Protein backbone atom coordinates (compact mmCIF):
# COMPACT_ATOMS: atom_id res chain seq x y z
CA UNK A 1 142.84 54.29 97.78
CA UNK A 2 141.79 50.66 97.61
CA UNK A 3 144.10 47.68 97.25
CA UNK A 4 143.42 43.94 97.15
CA UNK A 5 145.60 41.25 98.67
CA UNK A 6 145.67 37.46 98.88
CA UNK A 7 146.64 36.38 102.40
CA UNK A 8 149.88 34.31 102.60
CA UNK A 9 149.15 32.63 105.96
CA UNK A 10 146.47 32.64 108.65
CA UNK A 11 146.48 35.94 110.55
CA UNK A 12 146.35 34.83 114.18
CA UNK A 13 148.13 35.52 117.46
CA UNK A 14 151.60 36.99 117.15
CA UNK A 15 151.24 37.68 113.40
CA UNK A 16 148.13 39.79 114.01
CA UNK A 17 149.76 41.58 116.96
CA UNK A 18 152.87 42.51 114.97
CA UNK A 19 150.76 43.62 112.01
CA UNK A 20 148.54 45.91 114.15
CA UNK A 21 151.59 47.31 115.96
CA UNK A 22 153.17 48.33 112.63
CA UNK A 23 149.91 49.73 111.22
CA UNK A 24 149.42 51.88 114.33
CA UNK A 25 152.63 53.75 113.49
CA UNK A 26 150.90 55.19 110.39
CA UNK A 27 148.67 58.24 110.68
CA UNK A 28 145.33 58.04 108.91
CA UNK A 29 142.52 55.52 108.67
CA UNK A 30 143.01 52.02 107.29
CA UNK A 31 140.18 49.51 106.93
CA UNK A 32 140.16 45.86 105.89
CA UNK A 33 137.20 44.08 104.29
CA UNK A 34 137.21 40.31 103.82
CA UNK A 35 135.33 38.12 101.33
CA UNK A 36 132.33 37.88 103.69
CA UNK A 37 132.02 41.70 103.51
CA UNK A 38 133.01 42.02 107.17
CA UNK A 39 135.05 45.14 107.77
CA UNK A 40 137.31 46.41 110.56
CA UNK A 41 139.74 49.12 111.46
CA UNK A 42 143.22 47.72 110.69
CA UNK A 43 144.54 49.44 113.83
CA UNK A 44 142.33 47.30 116.07
CA UNK A 45 143.75 43.94 117.17
CA UNK A 46 140.29 42.63 118.10
CA UNK A 47 138.95 43.80 114.73
CA UNK A 48 141.75 42.14 112.78
CA UNK A 49 141.33 38.88 114.71
CA UNK A 50 137.54 39.00 114.22
CA UNK A 51 137.94 38.87 110.44
CA UNK A 52 139.46 35.36 110.69
CA UNK A 53 141.76 36.01 107.73
CA UNK A 54 142.93 32.67 106.36
CA UNK A 55 145.62 31.67 103.89
CA UNK A 56 144.42 32.18 100.29
CA UNK A 57 141.59 34.55 101.25
CA UNK A 58 141.19 37.82 99.37
CA UNK A 59 140.95 41.05 101.34
CA UNK A 60 140.38 44.64 100.32
CA UNK A 61 142.27 47.47 102.02
CA UNK A 62 140.85 50.99 102.11
CA UNK A 63 143.29 53.78 103.00
CA UNK A 64 141.96 57.21 104.01
CA UNK A 65 143.44 60.46 105.31
CA UNK A 66 147.10 59.72 104.54
CA UNK A 67 149.60 59.97 101.73
CA UNK A 68 151.92 57.32 103.17
CA UNK A 69 150.76 54.60 100.76
CA UNK A 70 154.19 53.06 100.29
CA UNK A 71 154.67 52.34 104.03
CA UNK A 72 151.20 50.83 104.26
CA UNK A 73 151.74 48.66 101.19
CA UNK A 74 155.08 47.48 102.64
CA UNK A 75 153.34 46.35 105.85
CA UNK A 76 150.55 44.58 103.95
CA UNK A 77 153.14 42.91 101.69
CA UNK A 78 154.31 41.00 104.78
CA UNK A 79 150.93 39.28 105.17
CA UNK A 80 149.76 39.03 101.56
CA UNK A 81 150.41 39.46 97.86
CA UNK A 82 148.83 42.40 96.06
CA UNK A 83 146.50 41.52 93.20
């Protein structure tokens, strides 16, 4: 499944760490692609930080190998608004 979000605030430091910690509790593969078409594994702190996600930026989330969509959407709702 693919979802799109608009980031609420810059994803740096503690925000990124907390986000990755929560995502790692979910089984399956989750990938984030930003507007520059850079992509990373959402379970990787270095990957998430490398995307330089800024407030107002649109991201696309790709969820594979899991049926736990509601938990994933709840975690992403903390950092952005679904569009």
